[in-house]
């Protein structure tokens, strides 16, 4: 029983060190060309990968749980809060 506990502690310590050193992994969606998704019909066209926002990498789950590295998902739209109020309406656009 103590052998399993020691093995588990060593594994957790190694995983924690791995997360601290390498909090990101390669994006599974755009492995062949980082940051790009190629078109299906017109194969010479591409767009920015929506899974990794064109960065070509994603944050590992353990790094997300412990808060290491960049955020896992980025907000594309700003929510209206007290810090970011909605834009004021002008007389021209009512």
PDB file of N, CA and C in Angstrom:
ATOM      1  N   UNK A   1       0.821  -1.203   0.000  1.00  0.00           N
ATOM      2  CA  UNK A   1       0.000   0.000   0.000  1.00  0.00           C
ATOM      3  C   UNK A   1       0.860   1.260   0.000  1.00  0.00           C
ATOM      4  N   UNK A   2       1.908   1.261   0.819  1.00  0.00           N
ATOM      5  CA  UNK A   2       2.763   2.450   0.863  1.00  0.00           C
ATOM      6  C   UNK A   2       3.509   2.643  -0.445  1.00  0.00           C
ATOM      7  N   UNK A   3       3.788   1.559  -1.146  1.00  0.00           N
ATOM      8  CA  UNK A   3       4.459   1.661  -2.447  1.00  0.00           C
ATOM      9  C   UNK A   3       3.572   2.405  -3.438  1.00  0.00           C
ATOM     10  N   UNK A   4       2.274   2.118  -3.436  1.00  0.00           N
ATOM     11  CA  UNK A   4       1.350   2.827  -4.325  1.00  0.00           C
ATOM     12  C   UNK A   4       1.250   4.301  -3.975  1.00  0.00           C
ATOM     13  N   UNK A   5       1.268   4.619  -2.698  1.00  0.00           N
ATOM     14  CA  UNK A   5       1.210   6.018  -2.266  1.00  0.00           C
ATOM     15  C   UNK A   5       2.458   6.762  -2.721  1.00  0.00           C
ATOM     16  N   UNK A   6       3.615   6.143  -2.563  1.00  0.00           N
ATOM     17  CA  UNK A   6       4.875   6.775  -2.984  1.00  0.00           C
ATOM     18  C   UNK A   6       4.883   6.968  -4.498  1.00  0.00           C
ATOM     19  N   UNK A   7       4.452   5.953  -5.248  1.00  0.00           N
ATOM     20  CA  UNK A   7       4.392   6.073  -6.706  1.00  0.00           C
ATOM     21  C   UNK A   7       3.422   7.183  -7.105  1.00  0.00           C
ATOM     22  N   UNK A   8       2.281   7.266  -6.438  1.00  0.00           N
ATOM     23  CA  UNK A   8       1.301   8.321  -6.731  1.00  0.00           C
ATOM     24  C   UNK A   8       1.846   9.706  -6.439  1.00  0.00           C
ATOM     25  N   UNK A   9       2.544   9.873  -5.335  1.00  0.00           N
ATOM     26  CA  UNK A   9       3.119  11.178  -4.977  1.00  0.00           C
ATOM     27  C   UNK A   9       4.201  11.569  -5.984  1.00  0.00           C
ATOM     28  N   UNK A  10       5.039  10.622  -6.359  1.00  0.00           N
ATOM     29  CA  UNK A  10       6.092  10.903  -7.352  1.00  0.00           C
ATOM     30  C   UNK A  10       5.468  11.277  -8.689  1.00  0.00           C
ATOM     31  N   UNK A  11       4.405  10.558  -9.096  1.00  0.00           N
ATOM     32  CA  UNK A  11       3.734  10.880 -10.353  1.00  0.00           C
ATOM     33  C   UNK A  11       3.111  12.276 -10.300  1.00  0.00           C
ATOM     34  N   UNK A  12       2.424  12.612  -9.207  1.00  0.00           N
ATOM     35  CA  UNK A  12       1.819  13.947  -9.072  1.00  0.00           C
ATOM     36  C   UNK A  12       2.868  15.050  -9.071  1.00  0.00           C
ATOM     37  N   UNK A  13       3.981  14.813  -8.413  1.00  0.00           N
ATOM     38  CA  UNK A  13       5.061  15.809  -8.404  1.00  0.00           C
ATOM     39  C   UNK A  13       5.624  15.995  -9.813  1.00  0.00           C
ATOM     40  N   UNK A  14       5.822  14.903 -10.544  1.00  0.00           N
ATOM     41  CA  UNK A  14       6.316  15.005 -11.926  1.00  0.00           C
ATOM     42  C   UNK A  14       5.323  15.713 -12.832  1.00  0.00           C
ATOM     43  N   UNK A  15       4.031  15.420 -12.653  1.00  0.00           N
ATOM     44  CA  UNK A  15       3.011  16.093 -13.460  1.00  0.00           C
ATOM     45  C   UNK A  15       2.955  17.582 -13.145  1.00  0.00           C
ATOM     46  N   UNK A  16       3.067  17.943 -11.884  1.00  0.00           N
ATOM     47  CA  UNK A  16       3.046  19.350 -11.483  1.00  0.00           C
ATOM     48  C   UNK A  16       4.242  20.097 -12.088  1.00  0.00           C
ATOM     49  N   UNK A  17       5.427  19.483 -12.044  1.00  0.00           N
ATOM     50  CA  UNK A  17       6.616  20.106 -12.644  1.00  0.00           C
ATOM     51  C   UNK A  17       6.420  20.251 -14.151  1.00  0.00           C
ATOM     52  N   UNK A  18       5.849  19.234 -14.787  1.00  0.00           N
ATOM     53  CA  UNK A  18       5.574  19.289 -16.222  1.00  0.00           C
ATOM     54  C   UNK A  18       4.618  20.431 -16.561  1.00  0.00           C
ATOM     55  N   UNK A  19       3.587  20.626 -15.729  1.00  0.00           N
ATOM     56  CA  UNK A  19       2.637  21.726 -15.970  1.00  0.00           C
ATOM     57  C   UNK A  19       3.300  23.085 -15.794  1.00  0.00           C
ATOM     58  N   UNK A  20       4.183  23.205 -14.818  1.00  0.00           N
ATOM     59  CA  UNK A  20       4.869  24.481 -14.601  1.00  0.00           C
ATOM     60  C   UNK A  20       5.800  24.811 -15.768  1.00  0.00           C
ATOM     61  N   UNK A  21       6.473  23.811 -16.305  1.00  0.00           N
ATOM     62  CA  UNK A  21       7.417  24.056 -17.397  1.00  0.00           C
ATOM     63  C   UNK A  21       6.733  24.173 -18.755  1.00  0.00           C
ATOM     64  N   UNK A  22       5.693  23.379 -18.990  1.00  0.00           N
ATOM     65  CA  UNK A  22       5.023  23.328 -20.287  1.00  0.00           C
ATOM     66  C   UNK A  22       3.504  23.372 -20.105  1.00  0.00           C
ATOM     67  N   UNK A  23       2.908  24.572 -19.873  1.00  0.00           N
ATOM     68  CA  UNK A  23       1.464  24.647 -19.637  1.00  0.00           C
ATOM     69  C   UNK A  23       0.616  24.521 -20.900  1.00  0.00           C
ATOM     70  N   UNK A  24       1.245  24.513 -22.081  1.00  0.00           N
ATOM     71  CA  UNK A  24       0.486  24.446 -23.329  1.00  0.00           C
ATOM     72  C   UNK A  24       0.776  23.166 -24.088  1.00  0.00           C
ATOM     73  N   UNK A  25      -0.164  22.788 -24.950  1.00  0.00           N
ATOM     74  CA  UNK A  25       0.010  21.654 -25.850  1.00  0.00           C
ATOM     75  C   UNK A  25      -0.399  22.089 -27.254  1.00  0.00           C
ATOM     76  N   UNK A  26      -0.077  21.289 -28.226  1.00  0.00           N
ATOM     77  CA  UNK A  26      -0.418  21.593 -29.606  1.00  0.00           C
ATOM     78  C   UNK A  26      -1.927  21.481 -29.809  1.00  0.00           C
ATOM     79  N   UNK A  27      -2.489  22.382 -30.599  1.00  0.00           N
ATOM     80  CA  UNK A  27      -3.920  22.347 -30.892  1.00  0.00           C
ATOM     81  C   UNK A  27      -4.226  21.132 -31.760  1.00  0.00           C
ATOM     82  N   UNK A  28      -5.229  20.346 -31.376  1.00  0.00           N
ATOM     83  CA  UNK A  28      -5.578  19.149 -32.134  1.00  0.00           C
ATOM     84  C   UNK A  28      -6.276  19.473 -33.442  1.00  0.00           C
ATOM     85  N   UNK A  29      -6.914  20.615 -33.504  1.00  0.00           N
ATOM     86  CA  UNK A  29      -7.692  20.977 -34.689  1.00  0.00           C
ATOM     87  C   UNK A  29      -6.789  21.375 -35.860  1.00  0.00           C
ATOM     88  N   UNK A  30      -5.726  22.092 -35.571  1.00  0.00           N
ATOM     89  CA  UNK A  30      -4.868  22.635 -36.642  1.00  0.00           C
ATOM     90  C   UNK A  30      -3.428  22.122 -36.504  1.00  0.00           C
ATOM     91  N   UNK A  31      -3.253  20.825 -36.380  1.00  0.00           N
ATOM     92  CA  UNK A  31      -1.938  20.227 -36.163  1.00  0.00           C
ATOM     93  C   UNK A  31      -1.016  20.433 -37.362  1.00  0.00           C
ATOM     94  N   UNK A  32      -1.519  20.221 -38.579  1.00  0.00           N
ATOM     95  CA  UNK A  32      -0.670  20.278 -39.772  1.00  0.00           C
ATOM     96  C   UNK A  32      -0.149  21.677 -40.058  1.00  0.00           C
ATOM     97  N   UNK A  33      -0.969  22.686 -39.871  1.00  0.00           N
ATOM     98  CA  UNK A  33      -0.548  24.068 -40.100  1.00  0.00           C
ATOM     99  C   UNK A  33      -1.058  24.905 -38.930  1.00  0.00           C
ATOM    100  N   UNK A  34      -0.203  25.182 -37.962  1.00  0.00           N
ATOM    101  CA  UNK A  34      -0.640  25.845 -36.736  1.00  0.00           C
ATOM    102  C   UNK A  34      -1.385  27.158 -36.980  1.00  0.00           C
ATOM    103  N   UNK A  35      -2.569  27.254 -36.395  1.00  0.00           N
ATOM    104  CA  UNK A  35      -3.355  28.473 -36.462  1.00  0.00           C
ATOM    105  C   UNK A  35      -4.280  28.581 -37.656  1.00  0.00           C
ATOM    106  N   UNK A  36      -4.256  27.597 -38.561  1.00  0.00           N
ATOM    107  CA  UNK A  36      -5.064  27.696 -39.780  1.00  0.00           C
ATOM    108  C   UNK A  36      -5.973  26.486 -39.926  1.00  0.00           C
ATOM    109  N   UNK A  37      -7.188  26.736 -40.404  1.00  0.00           N
ATOM    110  CA  UNK A  37      -8.102  25.675 -40.827  1.00  0.00           C
ATOM    111  C   UNK A  37      -8.287  25.843 -42.325  1.00  0.00           C
ATOM    112  N   UNK A  38      -7.975  24.815 -43.072  1.00  0.00           N
ATOM    113  CA  UNK A  38      -8.046  24.893 -44.523  1.00  0.00           C
ATOM    114  C   UNK A  38      -9.462  24.613 -45.007  1.00  0.00           C
ATOM    115  N   UNK A  39      -9.832  25.247 -46.120  1.00  0.00           N
ATOM    116  CA  UNK A  39     -11.165  25.091 -46.687  1.00  0.00           C
ATOM    117  C   UNK A  39     -11.385  23.698 -47.249  1.00  0.00           C
ATOM    118  N   UNK A  40     -12.638  23.251 -47.241  1.00  0.00           N
ATOM    119  CA  UNK A  40     -12.967  21.928 -47.738  1.00  0.00           C
ATOM    120  C   UNK A  40     -13.230  21.930 -49.233  1.00  0.00           C
ATOM    121  N   UNK A  41     -13.911  22.956 -49.737  1.00  0.00           N
ATOM    122  CA  UNK A  41     -14.235  23.015 -51.153  1.00  0.00           C
ATOM    123  C   UNK A  41     -13.114  23.695 -51.939  1.00  0.00           C
ATOM    124  N   UNK A  42     -12.724  24.878 -51.494  1.00  0.00           N
ATOM    125  CA  UNK A  42     -11.610  25.593 -52.108  1.00  0.00           C
ATOM    126  C   UNK A  42     -10.412  25.374 -51.212  1.00  0.00           C
ATOM    127  N   UNK A  43      -9.563  24.440 -51.579  1.00  0.00           N
ATOM    128  CA  UNK A  43      -8.503  23.980 -50.684  1.00  0.00           C
ATOM    129  C   UNK A  43      -7.330  24.939 -50.557  1.00  0.00           C
ATOM    130  N   UNK A  44      -7.300  26.013 -51.328  1.00  0.00           N
ATOM    131  CA  UNK A  44      -6.219  26.976 -51.169  1.00  0.00           C
ATOM    132  C   UNK A  44      -6.617  28.114 -50.224  1.00  0.00           C
ATOM    133  N   UNK A  45      -7.808  28.048 -49.636  1.00  0.00           N
ATOM    134  CA  UNK A  45      -8.261  29.082 -48.710  1.00  0.00           C
ATOM    135  C   UNK A  45      -8.164  28.571 -47.273  1.00  0.00           C
ATOM    136  N   UNK A  46      -8.034  29.500 -46.337  1.00  0.00           N
ATOM    137  CA  UNK A  46      -7.979  29.108 -44.934  1.00  0.00           C
ATOM    138  C   UNK A  46      -8.567  30.213 -44.073  1.00  0.00           C
ATOM    139  N   UNK A  47      -8.826  29.868 -42.830  1.00  0.00           N
ATOM    140  CA  UNK A  47      -9.280  30.832 -41.840  1.00  0.00           C
ATOM    141  C   UNK A  47      -8.534  30.554 -40.538  1.00  0.00           C
ATOM    142  N   UNK A  48      -8.675  31.465 -39.588  1.00  0.00           N
ATOM    143  CA  UNK A  48      -8.026  31.294 -38.301  1.00  0.00           C
ATOM    144  C   UNK A  48      -8.733  30.174 -37.538  1.00  0.00           C
ATOM    145  N   UNK A  49      -7.970  29.307 -36.927  1.00  0.00           N
ATOM    146  CA  UNK A  49      -8.532  28.196 -36.152  1.00  0.00           C
ATOM    147  C   UNK A  49      -9.369  28.745 -35.003  1.00  0.00           C
ATOM    148  N   UNK A  50     -10.622  28.266 -34.900  1.00  0.00           N
ATOM    149  CA  UNK A  50     -11.492  28.780 -33.845  1.00  0.00           C
ATOM    150  C   UNK A  50     -11.247  28.101 -32.503  1.00  0.00           C
ATOM    151  N   UNK A  51     -10.543  26.998 -32.485  1.00  0.00           N
ATOM    152  CA  UNK A  51     -10.248  26.325 -31.217  1.00  0.00           C
ATOM    153  C   UNK A  51      -9.127  27.019 -30.451  1.00  0.00           C
ATOM    154  N   UNK A  52      -8.098  27.465 -31.161  1.00  0.00           N
ATOM    155  CA  UNK A  52      -6.939  28.069 -30.487  1.00  0.00           C
ATOM    156  C   UNK A  52      -6.781  29.545 -30.809  1.00  0.00           C
ATOM    157  N   UNK A  53      -7.732  30.152 -31.503  1.00  0.00           N
ATOM    158  CA  UNK A  53      -7.687  31.569 -31.896  1.00  0.00           C
ATOM    159  C   UNK A  53      -6.455  31.904 -32.722  1.00  0.00           C
ATOM    160  N   UNK A  54      -5.988  30.939 -33.506  1.00  0.00           N
ATOM    161  CA  UNK A  54      -4.867  31.175 -34.409  1.00  0.00           C
ATOM    162  C   UNK A  54      -3.504  31.093 -33.759  1.00  0.00           C
ATOM    163  N   UNK A  55      -3.426  30.653 -32.526  1.00  0.00           N
ATOM    164  CA  UNK A  55      -2.139  30.571 -31.834  1.00  0.00           C
ATOM    165  C   UNK A  55      -1.438  29.238 -32.071  1.00  0.00           C
ATOM    166  N   UNK A  56      -2.175  28.199 -32.431  1.00  0.00           N
ATOM    167  CA  UNK A  56      -1.573  26.903 -32.691  1.00  0.00           C
ATOM    168  C   UNK A  56      -1.311  26.097 -31.429  1.00  0.00           C
ATOM    169  N   UNK A  57      -1.753  26.585 -30.291  1.00  0.00           N
ATOM    170  CA  UNK A  57      -1.545  25.861 -29.039  1.00  0.00           C
ATOM    171  C   UNK A  57      -2.742  26.049 -28.122  1.00  0.00           C
ATOM    172  N   UNK A  58      -2.915  25.102 -27.218  1.00  0.00           N
ATOM    173  CA  UNK A  58      -4.013  25.148 -26.249  1.00  0.00           C
ATOM    174  C   UNK A  58      -3.454  24.887 -24.872  1.00  0.00           C
ATOM    175  N   UNK A  59      -4.112  25.382 -23.874  1.00  0.00           N
ATOM    176  CA  UNK A  59      -3.669  25.173 -22.506  1.00  0.00           C
ATOM    177  C   UNK A  59      -4.055  23.772 -22.042  1.00  0.00           C
ATOM    178  N   UNK A  60      -3.155  23.096 -21.351  1.00  0.00           N
ATOM    179  CA  UNK A  60      -3.431  21.762 -20.829  1.00  0.00           C
ATOM    180  C   UNK A  60      -4.469  21.856 -19.721  1.00  0.00           C
ATOM    181  N   UNK A  61      -5.243  20.791 -19.552  1.00  0.00           N
ATOM    182  CA  UNK A  61      -6.323  20.790 -18.575  1.00  0.00           C
ATOM    183  C   UNK A  61      -5.803  21.029 -17.154  1.00  0.00           C
ATOM    184  N   UNK A  62      -4.722  20.370 -16.786  1.00  0.00           N
ATOM    185  CA  UNK A  62      -4.157  20.565 -15.447  1.00  0.00           C
ATOM    186  C   UNK A  62      -3.658  21.983 -15.231  1.00  0.00           C
ATOM    187  N   UNK A  63      -3.098  22.606 -16.273  1.00  0.00           N
ATOM    188  CA  UNK A  63      -2.643  23.988 -16.166  1.00  0.00           C
ATOM    189  C   UNK A  63      -3.828  24.930 -16.035  1.00  0.00           C
ATOM    190  N   UNK A  64      -4.941  24.585 -16.680  1.00  0.00           N
ATOM    191  CA  UNK A  64      -6.144  25.403 -16.555  1.00  0.00           C
ATOM    192  C   UNK A  64      -6.706  25.320 -15.138  1.00  0.00           C
ATOM    193  N   UNK A  65      -6.732  24.114 -14.569  1.00  0.00           N
ATOM    194  CA  UNK A  65      -7.257  23.924 -13.217  1.00  0.00           C
ATOM    195  C   UNK A  65      -6.396  24.672 -12.197  1.00  0.00           C
ATOM    196  N   UNK A  66      -5.076  24.610 -12.355  1.00  0.00           N
ATOM    197  CA  UNK A  66      -4.171  25.255 -11.402  1.00  0.00           C
ATOM    198  C   UNK A  66      -3.888  26.716 -11.735  1.00  0.00           C
ATOM    199  N   UNK A  67      -4.321  27.190 -12.910  1.00  0.00           N
ATOM    200  CA  UNK A  67      -4.159  28.595 -13.277  1.00  0.00           C
ATOM    201  C   UNK A  67      -2.796  28.960 -13.819  1.00  0.00           C
ATOM    202  N   UNK A  68      -2.124  28.028 -14.502  1.00  0.00           N
ATOM    203  CA  UNK A  68      -0.817  28.301 -15.099  1.00  0.00           C
ATOM    204  C   UNK A  68      -0.985  28.633 -16.567  1.00  0.00           C
ATOM    205  N   UNK A  69      -0.203  29.566 -17.088  1.00  0.00           N
ATOM    206  CA  UNK A  69      -0.235  29.900 -18.508  1.00  0.00           C
ATOM    207  C   UNK A  69      -1.362  30.851 -18.861  1.00  0.00           C
ATOM    208  N   UNK A  70      -1.632  30.962 -20.158  1.00  0.00           N
ATOM    209  CA  UNK A  70      -2.687  31.842 -20.654  1.00  0.00           C
ATOM    210  C   UNK A  70      -4.050  31.205 -20.441  1.00  0.00           C
ATOM    211  N   UNK A  71      -5.121  32.007 -20.483  1.00  0.00           N
ATOM    212  CA  UNK A  71      -6.466  31.438 -20.323  1.00  0.00           C
ATOM    213  C   UNK A  71      -6.779  30.404 -21.397  1.00  0.00           C
ATOM    214  N   UNK A  72      -7.559  29.401 -21.031  1.00  0.00           N
ATOM    215  CA  UNK A  72      -7.902  28.323 -21.966  1.00  0.00           C
ATOM    216  C   UNK A  72      -8.807  28.818 -23.082  1.00  0.00           C
ATOM    217  N   UNK A  73      -9.793  29.606 -22.750  1.00  0.00           N
ATOM    218  CA  UNK A  73     -10.703  30.156 -23.738  1.00  0.00           C
ATOM    219  C   UNK A  73     -10.691  31.665 -23.607  1.00  0.00           C
ATOM    220  N   UNK A  74     -10.620  32.353 -24.719  1.00  0.00           N
ATOM    221  CA  UNK A  74     -10.642  33.815 -24.701  1.00  0.00           C
ATOM    222  C   UNK A  74     -12.022  34.300 -25.072  1.00  0.00           C
ATOM    223  N   UNK A  75     -12.457  35.370 -24.420  1.00  0.00           N
ATOM    224  CA  UNK A  75     -13.744  35.961 -24.772  1.00  0.00           C
ATOM    225  C   UNK A  75     -13.546  36.796 -26.029  1.00  0.00           C
ATOM    226  N   UNK A  76     -14.319  36.532 -27.054  1.00  0.00           N
ATOM    227  CA  UNK A  76     -14.207  37.309 -28.279  1.00  0.00           C
ATOM    228  C   UNK A  76     -15.003  38.593 -28.181  1.00  0.00           C
ATOM    229  N   UNK A  77     -16.020  38.585 -27.338  1.00  0.00           N
ATOM    230  CA  UNK A  77     -16.832  39.781 -27.155  1.00  0.00           C
ATOM    231  C   UNK A  77     -16.721  40.221 -25.711  1.00  0.00           C
ATOM    232  N   UNK A  78     -16.684  41.530 -25.511  1.00  0.00           N
ATOM    233  CA  UNK A  78     -16.596  42.069 -24.161  1.00  0.00           C
ATOM    234  C   UNK A  78     -17.989  42.120 -23.563  1.00  0.00           C
ATOM    235  N   UNK A  79     -18.134  41.579 -22.375  1.00  0.00           N
ATOM    236  CA  UNK A  79     -19.419  41.639 -21.691  1.00  0.00           C
ATOM    237  C   UNK A  79     -19.575  43.001 -21.041  1.00  0.00           C
ATOM    238  N   UNK A  80     -20.794  43.466 -20.959  1.00  0.00           N
ATOM    239  CA  UNK A  80     -21.055  44.764 -20.369  1.00  0.00           C
ATOM    240  C   UNK A  80     -21.143  44.626 -18.861  1.00  0.00           C
ATOM    241  N   UNK A  81     -20.141  45.110 -18.175  1.00  0.00           N
ATOM    242  CA  UNK A  81     -20.106  45.111 -16.720  1.00  0.00           C
ATOM    243  C   UNK A  81     -19.842  46.532 -16.262  1.00  0.00           C
ATOM    244  N   UNK A  82     -19.625  46.708 -14.984  1.00  0.00           N
ATOM    245  CA  UNK A  82     -19.324  48.048 -14.485  1.00  0.00           C
ATOM    246  C   UNK A  82     -17.967  48.531 -15.000  1.00  0.00           C
ATOM    247  N   UNK A  83     -17.049  47.588 -15.258  1.00  0.00           N
ATOM    248  CA  UNK A  83     -15.745  47.974 -15.791  1.00  0.00           C
ATOM    249  C   UNK A  83     -15.821  48.313 -17.280  1.00  0.00           C
ATOM    250  N   UNK A  84     -16.689  47.628 -18.002  1.00  0.00           N
ATOM    251  CA  UNK A  84     -16.843  47.848 -19.430  1.00  0.00           C
ATOM    252  C   UNK A  84     -18.310  48.157 -19.727  1.00  0.00           C
ATOM    253  N   UNK A  85     -18.737  49.408 -19.549  1.00  0.00           N
ATOM    254  CA  UNK A  85     -20.143  49.723 -19.822  1.00  0.00           C
ATOM    255  C   UNK A  85     -20.419  49.650 -21.318  1.00  0.00           C
ATOM    256  N   UNK A  86     -21.688  49.509 -21.708  1.00  0.00           N
ATOM    257  CA  UNK A  86     -22.013  49.468 -23.139  1.00  0.00           C
ATOM    258  C   UNK A  86     -21.695  50.811 -23.770  1.00  0.00           C
ATOM    259  N   UNK A  87     -21.403  50.845 -25.067  1.00  0.00           N
ATOM    260  CA  UNK A  87     -21.083  52.109 -25.711  1.00  0.00           C
ATOM    261  C   UNK A  87     -22.269  53.058 -25.668  1.00  0.00           C
ATOM    262  N   UNK A  88     -21.967  54.331 -25.479  1.00  0.00           N
ATOM    263  CA  UNK A  88     -23.032  55.343 -25.404  1.00  0.00           C
ATOM    264  C   UNK A  88     -23.637  55.565 -26.775  1.00  0.00           C
ATOM    265  N   UNK A  89     -24.933  55.801 -26.798  1.00  0.00           N
ATOM    266  CA  UNK A  89     -25.600  56.066 -28.068  1.00  0.00           C
ATOM    267  C   UNK A  89     -25.399  57.533 -28.427  1.00  0.00           C
ATOM    268  N   UNK A  90     -25.276  57.788 -29.689  1.00  0.00           N
ATOM    269  CA  UNK A  90     -25.082  59.166 -30.153  1.00  0.00           C
ATOM    270  C   UNK A  90     -26.368  59.701 -30.752  1.00  0.00           C
ATOM    271  N   UNK A  91     -26.369  60.978 -31.004  1.00  0.00           N
ATOM    272  CA  UNK A  91     -27.556  61.604 -31.596  1.00  0.00           C
ATOM    273  C   UNK A  91     -27.744  61.131 -33.043  1.00  0.00           C
ATOM    274  N   UNK A  92     -26.651  60.771 -33.711  1.00  0.00           N
ATOM    275  CA  UNK A  92     -26.744  60.365 -35.116  1.00  0.00           C
ATOM    276  C   UNK A  92     -27.352  58.981 -35.270  1.00  0.00           C
ATOM    277  N   UNK A  93     -27.047  58.076 -34.375  1.00  0.00           N
ATOM    278  CA  UNK A  93     -27.472  56.691 -34.538  1.00  0.00           C
ATOM    279  C   UNK A  93     -28.544  56.262 -33.549  1.00  0.00           C
ATOM    280  N   UNK A  94     -29.064  57.188 -32.749  1.00  0.00           N
ATOM    281  CA  UNK A  94     -30.168  56.976 -31.846  1.00  0.00           C
ATOM    282  C   UNK A  94     -30.053  55.795 -31.003  1.00  0.00           C
TER     283      UNK A  94
END
